[in-house]
C-alpha atoms as a PDB file:
ATOM      1  CA  MET A   1      69.837 108.815 101.085  1.00  0.00           C
ATOM      2  CA  ARG A   2      67.147 106.152 103.006  1.00  0.00           C
ATOM      3  CA  PHE A   3      68.156 103.345 105.861  1.00  0.00           C
ATOM      4  CA  SER A   4      66.984 100.854 107.122  1.00  0.00           C
ATOM      5  CA  PRO A   5      65.785 101.861 110.929  1.00  0.00           C
ATOM      6  CA  ASP A   6      68.052  98.941 111.707  1.00  0.00           C
ATOM      7  CA  ASP A   7      71.203  99.937 109.925  1.00  0.00           C
ATOM      8  CA  VAL A   8      73.949 101.106 112.057  1.00  0.00           C
ATOM      9  CA  VAL A   9      74.525 104.790 109.969  1.00  0.00           C
ATOM     10  CA  CYS A  10      78.398 106.183 110.688  1.00  0.00           C
ATOM     11  CA  ARG A  11      80.094 109.697 109.993  1.00  0.00           C
ATOM     12  CA  VAL A  12      83.966 108.964 110.016  1.00  0.00           C
ATOM     13  CA  ALA A  13      86.473 111.663 110.362  1.00  0.00           C
ATOM     14  CA  LEU A  14      89.748 111.511 109.325  1.00  0.00           C
ATOM     15  CA  ASN A  15      92.923 113.626 108.871  1.00  0.00           C
ATOM     16  CA  LEU A  16      96.338 112.948 108.145  1.00  0.00           C
ATOM     17  CA  GLY A  17      98.796 116.256 109.044  1.00  0.00           C
ATOM     18  CA  ARG A  18     101.483 114.759 107.566  1.00  0.00           C
ATOM     19  CA  VAL A  19     101.238 114.114 103.941  1.00  0.00           C
ATOM     20  CA  ARG A  20     102.359 116.384 101.791  1.00  0.00           C
ATOM     21  CA  THR A  21     100.368 115.090  98.379  1.00  0.00           C
ATOM     22  CA  PRO A  22      96.705 113.923  97.861  1.00  0.00           C
ATOM     23  CA  GLU A  23      98.212 110.925  96.482  1.00  0.00           C
ATOM     24  CA  GLU A  24     100.120 110.461 100.283  1.00  0.00           C
ATOM     25  CA  ALA A  25      96.398 110.311 102.151  1.00  0.00           C
ATOM     26  CA  LEU A  26      94.939 108.436  99.328  1.00  0.00           C
ATOM     27  CA  ARG A  27      97.351 105.980  99.556  1.00  0.00           C
ATOM     28  CA  ALA A  28      97.232 105.696 103.117  1.00  0.00           C
ATOM     29  CA  TRP A  29      93.209 105.735 103.380  1.00  0.00           C
ATOM     30  CA  LEU A  30      92.883 102.681 100.244  1.00  0.00           C
ATOM     31  CA  PRO A  31      92.463  99.624 102.913  1.00  0.00           C
ATOM     32  CA  LEU A  32      90.207 101.576 105.303  1.00  0.00           C
ATOM     33  CA  VAL A  33      87.922 102.196 102.137  1.00  0.00           C
ATOM     34  CA  SER A  34      88.972  98.544 100.605  1.00  0.00           C
ATOM     35  CA  GLU A  35      87.612  97.514 104.236  1.00  0.00           C
ATOM     36  CA  LEU A  36      84.760  99.283 105.099  1.00  0.00           C
ATOM     37  CA  ARG A  37      82.973  99.717 101.623  1.00  0.00           C
ATOM     38  CA  PRO A  38      81.727 103.502 102.851  1.00  0.00           C
ATOM     39  CA  VAL A  39      78.449 104.467 101.326  1.00  0.00           C
ATOM     40  CA  SER A  40      79.713 108.075 100.471  1.00  0.00           C
ATOM     41  CA  MET A  41      83.166 109.622 100.741  1.00  0.00           C
ATOM     42  CA  ARG A  42      84.701 113.267 100.655  1.00  0.00           C
ATOM     43  CA  PHE A  43      88.556 113.899 100.358  1.00  0.00           C
ATOM     44  CA  GLU A  44      89.510 117.444 100.722  1.00  0.00           C
ATOM     45  CA  ALA A  45      93.093 119.392 101.794  1.00  0.00           C
ATOM     46  CA  ALA A  46      92.488 120.560 105.123  1.00  0.00           C
ATOM     47  CA  GLY A  47      92.306 124.848 104.976  1.00  0.00           C
ATOM     48  CA  PRO A  48      95.289 126.495 105.320  1.00  0.00           C
ATOM     49  CA  ASP A  49      93.670 128.793 108.166  1.00  0.00           C
ATOM     50  CA  GLY A  50      91.690 126.145 109.761  1.00  0.00           C
ATOM     51  CA  LEU A  51      92.574 123.706 113.011  1.00  0.00           C
ATOM     52  CA  ARG A  52      94.035 120.633 111.101  1.00  0.00           C
ATOM     53  CA  ARG A  53      96.874 120.227 108.140  1.00  0.00           C
ATOM     54  CA  GLY A  54      97.381 117.704 105.618  1.00  0.00           C
ATOM     55  CA  TYR A  55      94.459 116.092 104.519  1.00  0.00           C
ATOM     56  CA  LEU A  56      90.639 115.441 105.639  1.00  0.00           C
ATOM     57  CA  ALA A  57      88.325 112.405 104.486  1.00  0.00           C
ATOM     58  CA  ASP A  58      84.701 112.087 105.395  1.00  0.00           C
ATOM     59  CA  PHE A  59      83.100 108.482 104.882  1.00  0.00           C
ATOM     60  CA  LEU A  60      79.423 107.599 105.626  1.00  0.00           C
ATOM     61  CA  VAL A  61      79.769 104.204 106.525  1.00  0.00           C
ATOM     62  CA  VAL A  62      76.410 101.618 106.794  1.00  0.00           C
ATOM     63  CA  PHE A  63      76.374  98.722 108.873  1.00  0.00           C
ATOM     64  CA  PRO A  64      72.862  96.713 108.557  1.00  0.00           C
ATOM     65  CA  PRO A  65      71.260  94.222 111.095  1.00  0.00           C
ATOM     66  CA  PRO A  66      73.721  91.674 111.691  1.00  0.00           C
ATOM     67  CA  GLU A  67      71.939  88.204 110.344  1.00  0.00           C
ATOM     68  CA  GLY A  68      71.277  85.716 112.934  1.00  0.00           C
ATOM     69  CA  GLY A  69      70.973  88.599 116.381  1.00  0.00           C
ATOM     70  CA  THR A  70      73.148  90.681 117.869  1.00  0.00           C
ATOM     71  CA  ALA A  71      77.043  89.902 119.182  1.00  0.00           C
ATOM     72  CA  GLU A  72      75.112  89.058 122.796  1.00  0.00           C
ATOM     73  CA  GLY A  73      73.436  86.365 120.621  1.00  0.00           C
ATOM     74  CA  GLY A  74      69.921  87.366 120.733  1.00  0.00           C
ATOM     75  CA  THR A  75      67.947  88.423 117.433  1.00  0.00           C
ATOM     76  CA  ALA A  76      67.828  91.465 116.171  1.00  0.00           C
ATOM     77  CA  GLU A  77      64.684  92.334 117.584  1.00  0.00           C
ATOM     78  CA  GLY A  78      65.366  91.062 120.879  1.00  0.00           C
ATOM     79  CA  GLY A  79      68.156  93.037 121.222  1.00  0.00           C
ATOM     80  CA  THR A  80      68.143  96.001 122.901  1.00  0.00           C
ATOM     81  CA  ALA A  81      68.676  99.388 120.867  1.00  0.00           C
ATOM     82  CA  ARG A  82      72.152  99.946 122.911  1.00  0.00           C
ATOM     83  CA  ASP A  83      73.364  96.594 121.808  1.00  0.00           C
ATOM     84  CA  ARG A  84      72.614  96.723 117.889  1.00  0.00           C
ATOM     85  CA  LEU A  85      74.460  99.990 118.260  1.00  0.00           C
ATOM     86  CA  LEU A  86      77.304  99.331 120.401  1.00  0.00           C
ATOM     87  CA  ALA A  87      78.462  95.947 118.203  1.00  0.00           C
ATOM     88  CA  PRO A  88      79.341  97.409 115.273  1.00  0.00           C
ATOM     89  CA  VAL A  89      80.414 100.391 116.642  1.00  0.00           C
ATOM     90  CA  GLY A  90      83.322  99.261 118.701  1.00  0.00           C
ATOM     91  CA  GLU A  91      84.601  97.066 115.401  1.00  0.00           C
ATOM     92  CA  LEU A  92      84.727  99.669 113.424  1.00  0.00           C
ATOM     93  CA  ALA A  93      86.674 101.691 116.739  1.00  0.00           C
ATOM     94  CA  ARG A  94      89.129  98.578 117.160  1.00  0.00           C
ATOM     95  CA  ARG A  95      89.417  98.241 113.406  1.00  0.00           C
ATOM     96  CA  LEU A  96      90.478 102.592 113.737  1.00  0.00           C
ATOM     97  CA  GLY A  97      92.682 101.875 116.195  1.00  0.00           C
ATOM     98  CA  LEU A  98      90.760 103.628 118.836  1.00  0.00           C
ATOM     99  CA  ASP A  99      89.199 102.381 122.600  1.00  0.00           C
ATOM    100  CA  PRO A 100      85.374 101.741 122.192  1.00  0.00           C
ATOM    101  CA  ALA A 101      85.283 102.490 125.469  1.00  0.00           C
ATOM    102  CA  ALA A 102      85.245 105.811 124.731  1.00  0.00           C
ATOM    103  CA  PHE A 103      82.471 105.808 122.626  1.00  0.00           C
ATOM    104  CA  GLU A 104      79.735 107.779 124.242  1.00  0.00           C
ATOM    105  CA  VAL A 105      75.708 106.908 124.082  1.00  0.00           C
ATOM    106  CA  ASP A 106      73.319 109.212 124.133  1.00  0.00           C
ATOM    107  CA  GLU A 107      70.389 108.622 126.527  1.00  0.00           C
ATOM    108  CA  ASP A 108      68.175 106.910 124.105  1.00  0.00           C
ATOM    109  CA  GLY A 109      70.700 104.069 123.127  1.00  0.00           C
ATOM    110  CA  LEU A 110      70.222 105.401 119.215  1.00  0.00           C
ATOM    111  CA  GLY A 111      72.992 107.012 118.727  1.00  0.00           C
ATOM    112  CA  GLY A 112      76.269 108.421 120.122  1.00  0.00           C
ATOM    113  CA  ALA A 113      80.315 109.470 119.091  1.00  0.00           C
ATOM    114  CA  LEU A 114      83.516 108.612 119.633  1.00  0.00           C
ATOM    115  CA  ASN A 115      85.936 111.929 119.829  1.00  0.00           C
ATOM    116  CA  VAL A 116      89.226 111.863 120.027  1.00  0.00           C
ATOM    117  CA  LYS A 117      90.518 114.519 122.495  1.00  0.00           C
ATOM    118  CA  GLU A 118      94.158 113.528 121.929  1.00  0.00           C
ATOM    119  CA  GLU A 119      96.079 113.844 118.243  1.00  0.00           C
ATOM    120  CA  PRO A 120      94.211 111.540 116.309  1.00  0.00           C
ATOM    121  CA  ASP A 121      97.917 109.944 115.518  1.00  0.00           C
ATOM    122  CA  GLY A 122      96.864 107.348 117.905  1.00  0.00           C
ATOM    123  CA  SER A 123      94.934 105.651 114.480  1.00  0.00           C
ATOM    124  CA  PRO A 124      96.852 104.837 112.190  1.00  0.00           C
ATOM    125  CA  TYR A 125      94.437 106.737 109.793  1.00  0.00           C
ATOM    126  CA  GLY A 126      94.014 110.190 111.771  1.00  0.00           C
ATOM    127  CA  THR A 127      90.813 109.257 113.116  1.00  0.00           C
ATOM    128  CA  TYR A 128      89.654 112.100 114.973  1.00  0.00           C
ATOM    129  CA  LEU A 129      85.818 111.714 115.644  1.00  0.00           C
ATOM    130  CA  VAL A 130      83.108 108.767 115.017  1.00  0.00           C
ATOM    131  CA  LEU A 131      79.403 109.798 114.996  1.00  0.00           C
ATOM    132  CA  ALA A 132      76.978 106.408 114.739  1.00  0.00           C
ATOM    133  CA  LEU A 133      72.965 106.807 114.584  1.00  0.00           C
ATOM    134  CA  THR A 134      70.731 104.281 113.998  1.00  0.00           C
ATOM    135  CA  GLY A 135      68.333 104.570 110.992  1.00  0.00           C
ATOM    136  CA  ALA A 136      69.895 108.396 109.813  1.00  0.00           C
ATOM    137  CA  ASP A 137      73.086 110.007 109.187  1.00  0.00           C
ATOM    138  CA  PRO A 138      74.397 111.239 112.108  1.00  0.00           C
ATOM    139  CA  LEU A 139      74.785 114.731 110.236  1.00  0.00           C
ATOM    140  CA  ASN A 140      71.407 114.957 108.962  1.00  0.00           C
ATOM    141  CA  PRO A 141      69.019 112.624 111.018  1.00  0.00           C
ATOM    142  CA  GLU A 142      66.156 114.075 108.913  1.00  0.00           C
ATOM    143  CA  GLY A 143      67.200 112.161 105.781  1.00  0.00           C
ATOM    144  CA  GLU A 144      67.354 115.356 103.820  1.00  0.00           C
ATOM    145  CA  GLN A 145      69.678 117.131 101.428  1.00  0.00           C
ATOM    146  CA  ALA A 146      70.727 120.614 103.233  1.00  0.00           C
ATOM    147  CA  ASP A 147      71.113 123.421 100.914  1.00  0.00           C
ATOM    148  CA  TYR A 148      72.002 127.020 102.429  1.00  0.00           C
ATOM    149  CA  ASP A 149      71.780 130.010 100.267  1.00  0.00           C
ATOM    150  CA  ASP A 150      72.384 132.489 103.052  1.00  0.00           C
ATOM    151  CA  THR A 151      76.276 133.198 104.352  1.00  0.00           C
ATOM    152  CA  GLY A 152      75.285 132.059 108.105  1.00  0.00           C
ATOM    153  CA  GLU A 153      76.475 135.324 109.515  1.00  0.00           C
ATOM    154  CA  ASP A 154      73.435 134.755 111.908  1.00  0.00           C
ATOM    155  CA  LEU A 155      74.741 131.863 113.631  1.00  0.00           C
ATOM    156  CA  LEU A 156      78.219 133.239 114.156  1.00  0.00           C
END
């Protein structure tokens, strides 16, 4: 998937551990899907031997550059990369019930992560991780689909 170099692309990982059916999980996440309008979504049951319980979701959300400038009132070209990243990520974090101040920006100001250290129950949607990168998918910054035929045993 291709993005504009000024787009802020976020991966949002969610886990509802106390729901019993996929219908319950989808009903809980539907308002968020309607509001954020992710460009891709993945829903699945958590593995029985995994770290998480219940149901998991992964949303890919794209925030285009602001029309008329950054949150500080400058133009999209005039604001810093960090400003262009923090404005939509801060709003997203607040919408998810998370503290935007917990978002850690990388050294060049083009990406970062908000990793919820405690139980994700602080977020009504079970959000436990938000990754953001300017101009690319944070999980696939090269922009190409990864397809691995190997088992990956050499990586363990």
